[in-house]
Amino acid sequence: MQQPVPVVDPSLDLEAEIVRLKRERNAIILAHYYQESEIQDVADVIGDSLQLAQAARKTNADVIAFCGVHFMAETAKILNPTKVVVLPDMDAGCSLADSAPIDRFRAWQARHPGSVTISYINCSAEVKAASDLICTSSNAEKIVRSVPADKKILFAPDRNLGRYLVQKTGRDMVLWQGVCIVHETFSEKKLIALRERHPDAALIAHPECEPGLLEMAEFIGSTSALLNYAVDSPKQTFIVATEAGILHQMQKRAPHKSFIAAPPESSCACNECPYMRLNTMEKLYLALRDLTPRLEMPEALRAAAELPITRMLELSV
């Protein structure tokens, strides 16, 4: 159930109040590229999962306001046990994390003894603690290649990213069958029609997308890689197959170019993550004002989850 939100005085200048509270609390605002544009514009750091994990690890702030989803704020807390970590809406979850409950995950591991488990960062703290390595879409290929060739790899929870990595690395991995509700919703049929209307457009896609769509893409990469490619490419028009929030940063960094969100199967706004969009400026203001809702976890779980995340960060330098 979505948490009730106290009424915020509509006369407040939320941006000014957030800046004031940030200064008073010695707080840092970390925001994912998939957040609403107004949240991105007040953030201190905007990035993908790897960039935000790195920023969380380095910060000297006393308070981390994490504008993303639950597993991202958990990661920040895992890396900063003594800091206050707040998430504007605690119901901001993730379909990938939900697809891998810890009891089923451990049973899956037990069926493959001696394997190395690599878990995509889109998973719970419990799954991280049970994994040997964590990866993001930015460093996944590097993490997979770091595992000795004679070791069997279990990869969870995103099957599409896993398939893409099998193709890129040649490693025969056992894949957990999870999917992102945003990235699996793009319509190949509508995309073909859209490309006919924009024949000069480059299709760029996140590796969480379905294989058929990836086969059509000119470039495949993490959210930050898609952003950099779109800015640096000589092409002027791009069809972007990932969560539509990234278009805000693309347009800011390349205002002379055109960016088109890849169409979902239905007429809904399914190319927007419903969990990411639970965070709002009002909720961010309240989180900084009241320092709730806070991320907390048992120290034993936090310490166990920190080990594979630290290995990932060391391999990502």
Protein backbone atom coordinates (compact mmCIF):
# COMPACT_ATOMS: atom_id res chain seq x y z
CA MET A 1 0.00 0.00 0.00
CA GLN A 2 1.33 3.42 -0.94
CA GLN A 3 2.29 5.48 2.09
CA PRO A 4 0.07 8.46 2.95
CA VAL A 5 1.71 11.82 2.27
CA PRO A 6 1.13 14.78 4.62
CA VAL A 7 -0.30 17.85 2.99
CA VAL A 8 2.42 20.31 1.99
CA ASP A 9 1.66 24.02 2.01
CA PRO A 10 1.09 24.80 -1.69
CA SER A 11 2.59 28.27 -1.26
CA LEU A 12 6.01 26.82 -0.44
CA ASP A 13 8.80 27.22 -2.96
CA LEU A 14 9.76 23.54 -2.83
CA GLU A 15 13.01 23.95 -4.69
CA ALA A 16 14.18 26.71 -2.32
CA GLU A 17 13.04 24.74 0.73
CA ILE A 18 14.88 21.62 -0.45
CA VAL A 19 18.07 23.65 -0.99
CA ARG A 20 17.70 25.17 2.50
CA LEU A 21 17.12 21.82 4.18
CA LYS A 22 19.96 20.24 2.28
CA ARG A 23 22.31 22.90 3.64
CA GLU A 24 20.96 22.64 7.21
CA ARG A 25 21.14 18.84 7.25
CA ASN A 26 24.50 18.60 5.47
CA ALA A 27 22.62 16.39 3.02
CA ILE A 28 23.32 15.19 -0.49
CA ILE A 29 20.60 14.38 -3.01
CA LEU A 30 21.36 11.44 -5.30
CA ALA A 31 18.95 10.98 -8.19
CA HIS A 32 18.67 8.34 -10.87
CA TYR A 33 18.23 9.35 -14.49
CA TYR A 34 14.72 7.87 -14.37
CA GLN A 35 13.42 10.40 -11.86
CA GLU A 36 11.07 13.24 -12.76
CA SER A 37 12.92 16.13 -14.39
CA GLU A 38 12.30 18.53 -11.50
CA ILE A 39 13.95 16.12 -9.07
CA GLN A 40 16.90 15.68 -11.42
CA ASP A 41 17.29 19.46 -11.49
CA VAL A 42 17.70 19.76 -7.69
CA ALA A 43 19.97 16.74 -7.31
CA ASP A 44 23.66 17.00 -6.44
CA VAL A 45 24.50 13.84 -8.38
CA ILE A 46 22.51 12.37 -11.25
CA GLY A 47 23.55 8.98 -12.53
CA ASP A 48 22.93 5.32 -13.19
CA SER A 49 23.24 2.63 -10.52
CA LEU A 50 27.03 2.40 -10.69
CA GLN A 51 27.60 6.16 -10.64
CA LEU A 52 25.22 6.58 -7.70
CA ALA A 53 26.82 3.71 -5.74
CA GLN A 54 30.22 5.34 -6.30
CA ALA A 55 28.88 8.73 -5.20
CA ALA A 56 27.28 7.20 -2.10
CA ARG A 57 30.57 5.58 -1.16
CA LYS A 58 32.53 8.86 -1.48
CA THR A 59 30.18 11.37 0.11
CA ASN A 60 31.00 13.29 3.31
CA ALA A 61 27.37 14.27 3.82
CA ASP A 62 25.55 13.32 7.02
CA VAL A 63 22.29 12.62 5.21
CA ILE A 64 21.75 10.89 1.86
CA ALA A 65 18.40 11.58 0.21
CA PHE A 66 18.16 8.91 -2.45
CA CYS A 67 15.73 9.66 -5.25
CA GLY A 68 15.51 6.31 -6.93
CA VAL A 69 14.07 2.99 -5.85
CA HIS A 70 14.39 0.87 -2.73
CA PHE A 71 17.35 -1.31 -3.74
CA MET A 72 19.38 1.80 -4.65
CA ALA A 73 18.78 3.43 -1.28
CA GLU A 74 19.61 0.09 0.37
CA THR A 75 22.92 0.08 -1.47
CA ALA A 76 23.67 3.58 -0.17
CA LYS A 77 22.93 2.42 3.39
CA ILE A 78 25.06 -0.70 2.95
CA LEU A 79 27.99 1.53 1.98
CA ASN A 80 27.25 4.15 4.68
CA PRO A 81 26.17 2.42 7.90
CA THR A 82 26.57 5.53 10.07
CA LYS A 83 24.75 7.95 7.78
CA VAL A 84 21.04 8.70 7.62
CA VAL A 85 19.64 7.44 4.31
CA VAL A 86 16.13 8.51 3.36
CA LEU A 87 14.00 7.44 0.41
CA PRO A 88 11.16 9.88 -0.41
CA ASP A 89 8.70 7.01 -0.95
CA MET A 90 9.47 3.65 0.67
CA ASP A 91 7.07 1.96 -1.75
CA ALA A 92 9.38 2.76 -4.68
CA GLY A 93 10.30 -0.84 -5.43
CA CYS A 94 11.56 -2.75 -8.47
CA SER A 95 10.04 -5.60 -10.47
CA LEU A 96 13.47 -7.21 -10.88
CA ALA A 97 14.18 -7.16 -7.15
CA ASP A 98 10.69 -8.51 -6.46
CA SER A 99 11.26 -11.39 -8.89
CA ALA A 100 14.02 -12.87 -6.73
CA PRO A 101 12.81 -13.58 -3.17
CA ILE A 102 15.66 -14.79 -1.02
CA ASP A 103 14.22 -18.24 -0.23
CA ARG A 104 13.79 -19.13 -3.91
CA PHE A 105 17.15 -17.56 -4.71
CA ARG A 106 18.98 -19.71 -2.16
CA ALA A 107 17.20 -22.84 -3.38
CA TRP A 108 18.32 -22.00 -6.94
CA GLN A 109 21.91 -21.61 -5.77
CA ALA A 110 21.72 -24.93 -3.94
CA ARG A 111 20.88 -26.69 -7.21
CA HIS A 112 24.20 -25.46 -8.67
CA PRO A 113 26.89 -26.10 -6.04
CA GLY A 114 30.33 -24.66 -6.69
CA SER A 115 29.03 -21.90 -8.95
CA VAL A 116 29.88 -18.21 -8.78
CA THR A 117 26.79 -16.05 -8.32
CA ILE A 118 26.71 -12.64 -10.02
CA SER A 119 23.67 -10.55 -9.14
CA TYR A 120 22.59 -7.43 -10.96
CA ILE A 121 22.39 -4.54 -8.50
CA ASN A 122 18.59 -4.50 -9.03
CA CYS A 123 18.05 -6.95 -6.16
CA SER A 124 17.40 -6.94 -2.42
CA ALA A 125 20.06 -6.63 0.27
CA GLU A 126 19.41 -10.28 1.16
CA VAL A 127 20.18 -11.41 -2.39
CA LYS A 128 23.27 -9.21 -2.48
CA ALA A 129 24.48 -10.82 0.75
CA ALA A 130 24.03 -14.27 -0.78
CA SER A 131 25.96 -13.33 -3.97
CA ASP A 132 29.66 -13.50 -4.79
CA LEU A 133 29.67 -10.43 -7.02
CA ILE A 134 27.32 -7.56 -7.83
CA CYS A 135 27.23 -5.81 -11.19
CA THR A 136 25.45 -2.96 -12.91
CA SER A 137 24.70 -2.66 -16.61
CA SER A 138 27.75 -0.36 -16.85
CA ASN A 139 30.24 -2.93 -15.61
CA ALA A 140 28.46 -6.27 -16.10
CA GLU A 141 30.67 -7.46 -18.95
CA LYS A 142 33.82 -6.65 -16.98
CA ILE A 143 32.47 -8.44 -13.90
CA VAL A 144 31.56 -11.57 -15.89
CA ARG A 145 34.98 -11.65 -17.54
CA SER A 146 36.65 -11.45 -14.11
CA VAL A 147 35.35 -14.92 -13.21
CA PRO A 148 37.77 -17.79 -14.05
CA ALA A 149 36.76 -19.68 -17.17
CA ASP A 150 36.47 -22.98 -15.31
CA LYS A 151 33.80 -21.61 -12.94
CA LYS A 152 30.09 -21.97 -13.62
CA ILE A 153 28.23 -18.65 -13.34
CA LEU A 154 24.72 -18.07 -12.01
CA PHE A 155 23.36 -14.69 -13.13
CA ALA A 156 20.32 -13.03 -11.54
CA PRO A 157 17.77 -11.56 -11.72
CA ASP A 158 17.51 -10.04 -15.24
CA ARG A 159 17.35 -12.67 -17.98
CA ASN A 160 17.63 -10.13 -20.81
CA LEU A 161 20.83 -8.60 -19.47
CA GLY A 162 22.05 -12.15 -18.84
CA ARG A 163 21.36 -13.21 -22.43
CA TYR A 164 23.13 -10.13 -23.72
CA LEU A 165 26.17 -10.93 -21.56
CA VAL A 166 26.24 -14.54 -22.76
CA GLN A 167 26.36 -13.20 -26.31
CA LYS A 168 29.06 -10.62 -25.48
CA THR A 169 31.35 -12.84 -23.39
CA GLY A 170 30.67 -16.36 -24.66
CA ARG A 171 30.14 -17.55 -21.08
CA ASP A 172 27.41 -20.17 -20.67
CA MET A 173 25.61 -18.76 -17.66
CA VAL A 174 22.56 -20.07 -15.81
CA LEU A 175 20.02 -17.25 -15.84
CA TRP A 176 17.34 -16.30 -13.32
CA GLN A 177 14.13 -15.56 -15.21
CA GLY A 178 13.39 -12.01 -14.02
CA VAL A 179 12.49 -9.03 -16.21
CA CYS A 180 12.10 -5.26 -15.89
CA ILE A 181 8.47 -4.26 -16.41
CA VAL A 182 9.57 -1.16 -18.34
CA HIS A 183 12.16 -2.70 -20.64
CA GLU A 184 10.04 -5.71 -21.59
CA THR A 185 7.10 -3.53 -22.61
CA PHE A 186 8.55 -1.89 -25.72
CA SER A 187 6.66 -2.86 -28.87
CA GLU A 188 8.83 -4.12 -31.74
CA LYS A 189 5.93 -3.61 -34.16
CA LYS A 190 5.43 0.02 -33.14
CA LEU A 191 9.17 0.55 -33.14
CA ILE A 192 9.47 -0.61 -36.74
CA ALA A 193 6.68 1.83 -37.71
CA LEU A 194 8.40 4.62 -35.78
CA ARG A 195 11.70 3.97 -37.58
CA GLU A 196 9.90 4.17 -40.92
CA ARG A 197 8.70 7.67 -39.96
CA HIS A 198 12.21 8.62 -38.80
CA PRO A 199 14.57 6.77 -41.17
CA ASP A 200 17.60 8.80 -40.09
CA ALA A 201 17.10 8.14 -36.38
CA ALA A 202 19.50 5.91 -34.43
CA LEU A 203 17.86 3.32 -32.19
CA ILE A 204 19.75 3.02 -28.90
CA ALA A 205 18.72 0.51 -26.24
CA HIS A 206 19.40 -0.67 -22.71
CA PRO A 207 20.45 -4.34 -22.42
CA GLU A 208 17.43 -5.05 -20.20
CA CYS A 209 15.30 -4.89 -23.37
CA GLU A 210 14.02 -8.03 -25.09
CA PRO A 211 16.44 -9.73 -27.55
CA GLY A 212 14.41 -8.88 -30.67
CA LEU A 213 14.64 -5.19 -29.90
CA LEU A 214 18.36 -5.39 -29.13
CA GLU A 215 18.95 -6.95 -32.55
CA MET A 216 17.56 -3.77 -34.15
CA ALA A 217 19.61 -1.37 -32.03
CA GLU A 218 22.52 0.63 -33.38
CA PHE A 219 23.97 0.94 -29.88
CA ILE A 220 23.36 -1.02 -26.67
CA GLY A 221 24.53 0.27 -23.32
CA SER A 222 23.83 1.27 -19.74
CA THR A 223 21.80 4.38 -19.04
CA SER A 224 24.91 6.54 -18.75
CA ALA A 225 26.41 4.95 -21.87
CA LEU A 226 23.23 5.72 -23.83
CA LEU A 227 23.41 9.33 -22.67
CA ASN A 228 27.05 9.72 -23.68
CA TYR A 229 26.50 8.01 -27.02
CA ALA A 230 23.56 10.26 -27.88
CA VAL A 231 25.52 13.39 -26.99
CA ASP A 232 28.70 12.39 -28.83
CA SER A 233 27.19 10.79 -31.94
CA PRO A 234 26.98 12.85 -35.15
CA LYS A 235 23.38 11.62 -35.55
CA GLN A 236 20.72 14.23 -34.84
CA THR A 237 17.70 12.06 -33.99
CA PHE A 238 17.51 9.14 -31.56
CA ILE A 239 14.86 6.61 -30.60
CA VAL A 240 15.64 5.72 -27.00
CA ALA A 241 14.64 2.29 -25.66
CA THR A 242 14.92 2.73 -21.93
CA GLU A 243 12.95 4.53 -19.21
CA ALA A 244 11.84 7.89 -20.57
CA GLY A 245 13.34 9.92 -17.70
CA ILE A 246 16.76 9.84 -19.38
CA LEU A 247 15.45 12.05 -22.21
CA HIS A 248 15.58 15.06 -19.86
CA GLN A 249 19.37 14.80 -19.48
CA MET A 250 19.84 14.01 -23.17
CA GLN A 251 17.92 17.14 -24.13
CA LYS A 252 19.86 19.26 -21.63
CA ARG A 253 23.23 18.07 -22.89
CA ALA A 254 22.34 18.12 -26.59
CA PRO A 255 19.52 20.69 -27.00
CA HIS A 256 19.97 20.79 -30.79
CA LYS A 257 19.14 17.08 -31.15
CA SER A 258 15.81 15.21 -31.13
CA PHE A 259 15.05 12.35 -28.74
CA ILE A 260 12.05 10.07 -29.09
CA ALA A 261 10.97 7.62 -26.38
CA ALA A 262 10.54 4.08 -27.72
CA PRO A 263 6.82 3.19 -27.73
CA PRO A 264 5.30 0.66 -25.32
CA GLU A 265 2.97 -2.13 -26.47
CA SER A 266 -0.19 -0.40 -25.26
CA SER A 267 -1.21 3.25 -25.17
CA CYS A 268 -0.19 3.56 -21.51
CA ALA A 269 2.87 5.44 -20.21
CA CYS A 270 4.55 2.06 -19.65
CA ASN A 271 7.92 3.38 -20.75
CA GLU A 272 7.92 5.27 -17.44
CA CYS A 273 8.79 3.24 -14.34
CA PRO A 274 5.81 3.48 -11.98
CA TYR A 275 8.10 2.88 -8.98
CA MET A 276 10.58 5.63 -9.90
CA ARG A 277 7.72 8.07 -10.39
CA LEU A 278 6.45 7.57 -6.82
CA ASN A 279 9.11 10.04 -5.68
CA THR A 280 7.98 13.66 -5.94
CA MET A 281 9.31 17.06 -4.94
CA GLU A 282 6.81 17.15 -2.07
CA LYS A 283 8.00 13.79 -0.75
CA LEU A 284 11.66 14.80 -1.13
CA TYR A 285 10.99 17.98 0.85
CA LEU A 286 9.28 16.00 3.62
CA ALA A 287 12.05 13.39 3.69
CA LEU A 288 14.64 16.11 4.24
CA ARG A 289 12.47 17.94 6.75
CA ASP A 290 11.54 14.93 8.86
CA LEU A 291 14.41 12.54 8.02
CA THR A 292 11.90 9.82 7.26
CA PRO A 293 11.30 7.31 5.80
CA ARG A 294 14.74 5.92 6.69
CA LEU A 295 16.55 2.90 5.36
CA GLU A 296 17.56 0.58 8.19
CA MET A 297 18.83 -3.00 8.22
CA PRO A 298 20.49 -5.44 10.62
CA GLU A 299 24.26 -4.97 10.79
CA ALA A 300 24.97 -8.60 9.94
CA LEU A 301 22.96 -8.30 6.72
CA ARG A 302 24.54 -4.96 5.86
CA ALA A 303 28.09 -6.26 6.37
CA ALA A 304 27.42 -9.39 4.31
CA ALA A 305 25.90 -7.37 1.45
CA GLU A 306 28.79 -4.91 1.52
CA LEU A 307 31.37 -7.55 0.54
CA PRO A 308 30.18 -8.25 -3.05
CA ILE A 309 29.40 -4.56 -3.62
CA THR A 310 32.93 -3.63 -2.55
CA ARG A 311 34.34 -6.25 -4.93
CA MET A 312 32.28 -4.72 -7.72
CA LEU A 313 33.50 -1.19 -6.98
CA GLU A 314 37.12 -2.35 -6.84
CA LEU A 315 36.73 -4.06 -10.23
CA SER A 316 35.07 -0.95 -11.67
CA VAL A 317 37.91 1.50 -11.05
